Amino acid sequence: MRFYRMIVLLIAAAAIGYGAPETITARAATNTVKSVSKSSRTGLKLPRFVSLRADEVNVRAGPGVRYPVKWVFVRRHLPVEITAEFETWRKVRDSSGAEGWVHRAMLISRRNVVVVDKQTTIRRRPKGDSPAIARLNPGMVARVEECDAFWCNVTVQGYDGWLRRDGVWGLYPDERPK
């Protein structure tokens, strides 16, 4: 009899919107996401950097299409940091610290950086006195080919060269992507 009463209460609660399946799923998703920290279901390290696959990427308040869109990224190849995973959804953070959820299909593993400080210079070789090839303004995105402790070999808008790691976002201090 107790079981029957509980079923009736759940059906009544669902009918008026309390404890609806979406709500229960959302709470479960939130709790699961908080438990993910250093490793992920995919076996890839968390956090990690990736880039946006498309020109427009919806960023949602939670891991699923039932959550509202908080904002839309409008920049293909922009680097973002994955901080958590839930099923096919990835919690990402951008260079300004804003966080939200995107579907994994909207992300690629290509490594890019974005200029966040003042204007930076791409040089022919990884030396401060090497000839300048191009200047990058804040907000410009460059594809990373490889990095050492202080410099990264990058490609941006047809220019190939080296830029200093400081002043860009999308790399961890001890990381050496190749």
Protein backbone atom coordinates (compact mmCIF):
# COMPACT_ATOMS: atom_id res chain seq x y z
CA MET A 1 0.00 0.00 0.00
CA ARG A 2 2.86 2.39 0.82
CA PHE A 3 4.43 1.75 -2.60
CA TYR A 4 1.09 2.49 -4.33
CA ARG A 5 0.74 5.77 -2.37
CA MET A 6 4.28 6.81 -3.39
CA ILE A 7 3.50 6.14 -7.08
CA VAL A 8 0.32 8.22 -6.83
CA LEU A 9 2.26 11.09 -5.21
CA LEU A 10 4.95 10.96 -7.92
CA ILE A 11 2.32 11.02 -10.68
CA ALA A 12 0.54 13.94 -9.00
CA ALA A 13 3.81 15.82 -8.54
CA ALA A 14 4.72 15.27 -12.19
CA ALA A 15 1.30 16.49 -13.30
CA ILE A 16 1.74 19.85 -11.55
CA GLY A 17 5.41 20.23 -12.50
CA TYR A 18 7.17 19.17 -9.30
CA GLY A 19 9.59 16.35 -9.76
CA ALA A 20 8.90 16.11 -13.48
CA PRO A 21 11.33 13.78 -15.26
CA GLU A 22 13.25 16.77 -16.68
CA THR A 23 13.75 18.21 -13.20
CA ILE A 24 14.90 14.91 -11.73
CA THR A 25 17.29 14.41 -14.67
CA ALA A 26 18.61 17.95 -14.30
CA ARG A 27 19.32 17.44 -10.60
CA ALA A 28 21.00 14.12 -11.28
CA ALA A 29 23.07 15.66 -14.04
CA THR A 30 24.19 18.51 -11.80
CA ASN A 31 25.20 16.14 -9.01
CA THR A 32 27.08 13.86 -11.39
CA VAL A 33 28.92 16.74 -12.99
CA LYS A 34 30.16 18.03 -9.64
CA SER A 35 31.75 14.65 -8.95
CA VAL A 36 33.93 14.79 -12.08
CA SER A 37 37.30 16.37 -11.42
CA LYS A 38 40.69 15.14 -12.67
CA SER A 39 39.63 12.48 -15.17
CA SER A 40 36.66 12.05 -17.41
CA ARG A 41 34.41 9.37 -18.80
CA THR A 42 36.32 9.68 -22.08
CA GLY A 43 39.58 8.95 -20.30
CA LEU A 44 40.97 12.35 -21.33
CA LYS A 45 42.50 14.70 -18.80
CA LEU A 46 40.41 17.39 -17.16
CA PRO A 47 40.76 20.26 -17.48
CA ARG A 48 42.03 20.43 -21.10
CA PHE A 49 41.98 22.92 -23.95
CA VAL A 50 40.10 22.42 -27.22
CA SER A 51 38.70 24.72 -29.91
CA LEU A 52 35.25 25.52 -31.26
CA ARG A 53 34.30 23.60 -34.41
CA ALA A 54 31.65 25.98 -35.80
CA ASP A 55 31.04 29.67 -36.39
CA GLU A 56 28.09 29.59 -33.99
CA VAL A 57 28.07 27.46 -30.83
CA ASN A 58 25.26 27.63 -28.28
CA VAL A 59 26.42 27.74 -24.66
CA ARG A 60 23.76 26.38 -22.32
CA ALA A 61 23.10 26.73 -18.60
CA GLY A 62 23.30 22.94 -18.13
CA PRO A 63 24.21 19.72 -19.93
CA GLY A 64 21.27 19.25 -22.30
CA VAL A 65 19.02 20.90 -24.87
CA ARG A 66 16.35 21.49 -22.22
CA TYR A 67 18.59 24.06 -20.55
CA PRO A 68 18.37 27.63 -21.84
CA VAL A 69 21.04 29.09 -24.09
CA LYS A 70 23.11 31.55 -22.02
CA TRP A 71 24.98 32.99 -25.01
CA VAL A 72 26.35 32.00 -28.41
CA PHE A 73 30.02 31.85 -29.38
CA VAL A 74 30.39 33.35 -32.86
CA ARG A 75 34.02 32.53 -33.53
CA ARG A 76 35.22 29.27 -35.11
CA HIS A 77 38.52 27.93 -33.71
CA LEU A 78 38.31 30.00 -30.51
CA PRO A 79 40.07 28.09 -27.70
CA VAL A 80 38.01 26.98 -24.70
CA GLU A 81 38.88 24.93 -21.63
CA ILE A 82 36.85 21.83 -20.82
CA THR A 83 36.41 21.67 -17.05
CA ALA A 84 33.80 18.89 -16.73
CA GLU A 85 31.93 16.28 -18.76
CA PHE A 86 28.46 14.78 -18.58
CA GLU A 87 27.46 12.25 -21.22
CA THR A 88 27.82 14.12 -24.56
CA TRP A 89 28.08 17.56 -22.95
CA ARG A 90 31.20 19.49 -21.99
CA LYS A 91 31.39 22.33 -19.49
CA VAL A 92 33.69 24.95 -20.99
CA ARG A 93 35.31 28.17 -19.85
CA ASP A 94 36.50 30.93 -22.17
CA SER A 95 39.39 33.36 -21.79
CA SER A 96 37.22 35.81 -19.83
CA GLY A 97 36.21 33.10 -17.32
CA ALA A 98 32.61 32.69 -18.54
CA GLU A 99 31.35 29.09 -18.20
CA GLY A 100 28.59 27.04 -19.78
CA TRP A 101 27.78 23.73 -21.45
CA VAL A 102 28.26 22.82 -25.12
CA HIS A 103 27.71 19.59 -27.02
CA ARG A 104 30.91 17.66 -27.76
CA ALA A 105 30.15 17.76 -31.50
CA MET A 106 30.84 21.51 -31.40
CA LEU A 107 34.43 20.99 -30.18
CA ILE A 108 37.64 19.85 -31.88
CA SER A 109 40.98 18.91 -30.38
CA ARG A 110 42.90 21.40 -32.55
CA ARG A 111 45.04 23.65 -30.38
CA ASN A 112 44.64 27.37 -30.77
CA VAL A 113 45.44 30.37 -28.63
CA VAL A 114 43.81 33.77 -28.41
CA VAL A 115 45.72 37.01 -27.79
CA VAL A 116 44.47 38.41 -24.48
CA ASP A 117 47.01 41.07 -23.58
CA LYS A 118 48.23 43.95 -25.64
CA GLN A 119 49.36 43.52 -29.21
CA THR A 120 51.90 40.72 -29.66
CA THR A 121 54.42 40.06 -32.42
CA ILE A 122 54.99 36.94 -34.49
CA ARG A 123 58.72 36.55 -35.13
CA ARG A 124 60.75 34.55 -37.65
CA ARG A 125 62.58 32.61 -34.91
CA PRO A 126 61.90 32.09 -31.18
CA LYS A 127 64.04 35.06 -30.09
CA GLY A 128 63.03 38.52 -28.99
CA ASP A 129 65.42 40.19 -31.46
CA SER A 130 64.32 38.07 -34.44
CA PRO A 131 62.63 39.96 -37.30
CA ALA A 132 58.91 40.61 -36.92
CA ILE A 133 56.57 38.86 -39.36
CA ALA A 134 53.19 40.16 -38.15
CA ARG A 135 51.50 41.84 -35.22
CA LEU A 136 48.44 40.31 -33.57
CA ASN A 137 45.84 42.44 -31.81
CA PRO A 138 43.92 41.30 -28.74
CA GLY A 139 41.20 38.79 -29.67
CA MET A 140 43.05 37.31 -32.64
CA VAL A 141 43.23 33.51 -32.76
CA ALA A 142 46.34 31.58 -33.86
CA ARG A 143 46.78 27.86 -34.51
CA VAL A 144 49.51 26.28 -32.37
CA GLU A 145 51.97 23.99 -34.17
CA GLU A 146 54.40 23.41 -31.29
CA CYS A 147 55.70 25.15 -28.16
CA ASP A 148 58.74 25.27 -25.95
CA ALA A 149 58.94 26.84 -22.50
CA PHE A 150 58.68 30.45 -23.75
CA TRP A 151 57.65 30.44 -27.42
CA CYS A 152 55.02 28.84 -29.66
CA ASN A 153 55.22 28.24 -33.40
CA VAL A 154 51.88 29.47 -34.73
CA THR A 155 49.96 30.02 -37.95
CA VAL A 156 47.49 32.87 -38.33
CA GLN A 157 45.95 34.32 -41.49
CA GLY A 158 48.72 32.96 -43.73
CA TYR A 159 51.58 33.97 -41.45
CA ASP A 160 53.82 31.36 -39.80
CA GLY A 161 56.21 32.23 -37.01
CA TRP A 162 56.90 32.29 -33.30
CA LEU A 163 55.17 34.24 -30.58
CA ARG A 164 55.78 34.46 -26.86
CA ARG A 165 53.54 32.33 -24.68
CA ASP A 166 52.82 35.17 -22.28
CA GLY A 167 49.96 37.33 -23.50
CA VAL A 168 47.99 34.46 -25.06
CA TRP A 169 45.36 32.15 -23.57
CA GLY A 170 44.81 28.50 -24.42
CA LEU A 171 47.92 26.78 -23.01
CA TYR A 172 48.87 25.56 -19.58
CA PRO A 173 52.21 26.90 -18.26
CA ASP A 174 53.97 23.52 -18.33
CA GLU A 175 52.33 22.25 -21.54
CA ARG A 176 54.32 21.60 -24.72
CA PRO A 177 51.85 20.77 -27.51
CA LYS A 178 53.30 19.30 -30.71
